[in-house]
Amino acid sequence: MSEKVLLPTELIDVYEKLGQEPMTILKNYALDMVMAKIQKYEAESKKFAKQYQTTFYRFKKKVESMRETENFRWDEDLLDWQFAEENLKFWKQVLKNLKRA
């Protein structure tokens, strides 16, 4: 989807004084926001890895193999860790696509 955006003259003047193209500024802003998301989900994933002294996939396998016992804390942490891992993967792909744009 491509859409034209009209910028106020004052803002265009500032960009010209800065020697920056509006699209470059928008792309850099998007890159910063995406990197912040990646850092957030990396930190969350590392927190769980440190807490459980294992990788996400090993922890998932361990939790799923516990058929006769339930550990609600582990179940909850698994869901949170999985959410972090999925979002990390998603935002890394967005970053890759954005860098190509």
Protein backbone atom coordinates (compact mmCIF):
# COMPACT_ATOMS: atom_id res chain seq x y z
CA MET A 1 0.00 0.00 0.00
CA SER A 2 1.41 3.35 -0.99
CA GLU A 3 -0.12 6.61 0.07
CA LYS A 4 0.90 10.19 -0.45
CA VAL A 5 1.46 12.18 2.69
CA LEU A 6 1.32 15.95 2.69
CA LEU A 7 3.85 17.54 5.00
CA PRO A 8 3.45 21.03 6.42
CA THR A 9 5.77 23.59 4.87
CA GLU A 10 7.40 24.25 8.24
CA LEU A 11 8.34 20.59 8.54
CA ILE A 12 9.72 20.47 5.00
CA ASP A 13 11.84 23.54 5.82
CA VAL A 14 13.28 21.79 8.88
CA TYR A 15 14.12 18.68 6.84
CA GLU A 16 15.85 20.82 4.21
CA LYS A 17 17.86 22.63 6.89
CA LEU A 18 18.86 19.26 8.33
CA GLY A 19 19.79 18.01 4.88
CA GLN A 20 17.47 15.05 5.28
CA GLU A 21 14.82 13.55 3.04
CA PRO A 22 11.48 12.93 4.77
CA MET A 23 11.47 9.29 3.63
CA THR A 24 14.91 8.74 5.15
CA ILE A 25 13.73 10.16 8.45
CA LEU A 26 10.60 8.00 8.39
CA LYS A 27 12.60 4.89 7.56
CA ASN A 28 15.12 5.62 10.32
CA TYR A 29 12.29 6.16 12.79
CA ALA A 30 10.73 2.83 11.77
CA LEU A 31 14.13 1.12 12.13
CA ASP A 32 14.50 2.55 15.64
CA MET A 33 11.03 1.37 16.64
CA VAL A 34 11.61 -2.12 15.22
CA MET A 35 14.99 -2.39 16.96
CA ALA A 36 13.32 -1.44 20.24
CA LYS A 37 10.82 -4.28 19.76
CA ILE A 38 13.63 -6.72 19.00
CA GLN A 39 15.57 -5.65 22.08
CA LYS A 40 12.46 -6.02 24.24
CA TYR A 41 11.72 -9.58 23.10
CA GLU A 42 15.40 -10.59 23.18
CA ALA A 43 15.61 -9.42 26.78
CA GLU A 44 12.47 -11.32 27.71
CA SER A 45 13.71 -14.49 26.03
CA LYS A 46 17.12 -14.20 27.72
CA LYS A 47 15.41 -13.71 31.08
CA PHE A 48 13.62 -17.05 30.72
CA ALA A 49 16.74 -18.79 29.38
CA LYS A 50 18.68 -17.61 32.42
CA GLN A 51 15.87 -18.46 34.83
CA TYR A 52 15.47 -22.02 33.52
CA GLN A 53 19.11 -22.53 32.43
CA THR A 54 18.02 -23.87 29.03
CA THR A 55 16.77 -22.94 25.59
CA PHE A 56 13.16 -22.26 24.70
CA TYR A 57 12.85 -25.47 22.69
CA ARG A 58 14.26 -27.67 25.45
CA PHE A 59 12.00 -26.02 28.01
CA LYS A 60 8.98 -26.46 25.74
CA LYS A 61 9.79 -30.14 25.28
CA LYS A 62 10.18 -30.61 29.04
CA VAL A 63 6.88 -28.88 29.85
CA GLU A 64 5.01 -30.77 27.14
CA SER A 65 6.41 -34.11 28.35
CA MET A 66 5.00 -33.60 31.84
CA ARG A 67 1.76 -35.50 31.33
CA GLU A 68 0.84 -36.55 34.84
CA THR A 69 1.90 -33.42 36.70
CA GLU A 70 1.00 -29.83 36.13
CA ASN A 71 3.10 -26.84 36.90
CA PHE A 72 1.01 -23.77 36.25
CA ARG A 73 4.00 -21.48 36.64
CA TRP A 74 5.92 -23.36 33.95
CA ASP A 75 2.86 -23.46 31.69
CA GLU A 76 2.46 -19.71 32.03
CA ASP A 77 6.15 -19.05 31.51
CA LEU A 78 6.15 -21.28 28.45
CA LEU A 79 3.34 -19.24 26.90
CA ASP A 80 5.11 -15.98 27.71
CA TRP A 81 8.43 -17.28 26.39
CA GLN A 82 6.77 -18.58 23.23
CA PHE A 83 5.14 -15.18 22.71
CA ALA A 84 8.54 -13.51 23.07
CA GLU A 85 10.17 -15.97 20.65
CA GLU A 86 7.43 -15.58 18.03
CA ASN A 87 7.54 -11.79 18.26
CA LEU A 88 11.31 -11.80 18.10
CA LYS A 89 11.18 -13.82 14.90
CA PHE A 90 8.46 -11.57 13.47
CA TRP A 91 10.27 -8.29 14.21
CA LYS A 92 13.59 -9.62 12.92
CA GLN A 93 11.85 -10.38 9.61
CA VAL A 94 10.31 -6.90 9.59
CA LEU A 95 13.79 -5.45 10.16
CA LYS A 96 15.21 -7.50 7.31
CA ASN A 97 12.44 -6.33 4.96
CA LEU A 98 12.78 -2.71 6.09
CA LYS A 99 16.52 -2.71 5.44
CA ARG A 100 15.83 -3.85 1.88
CA ALA A 101 13.27 -1.08 1.31
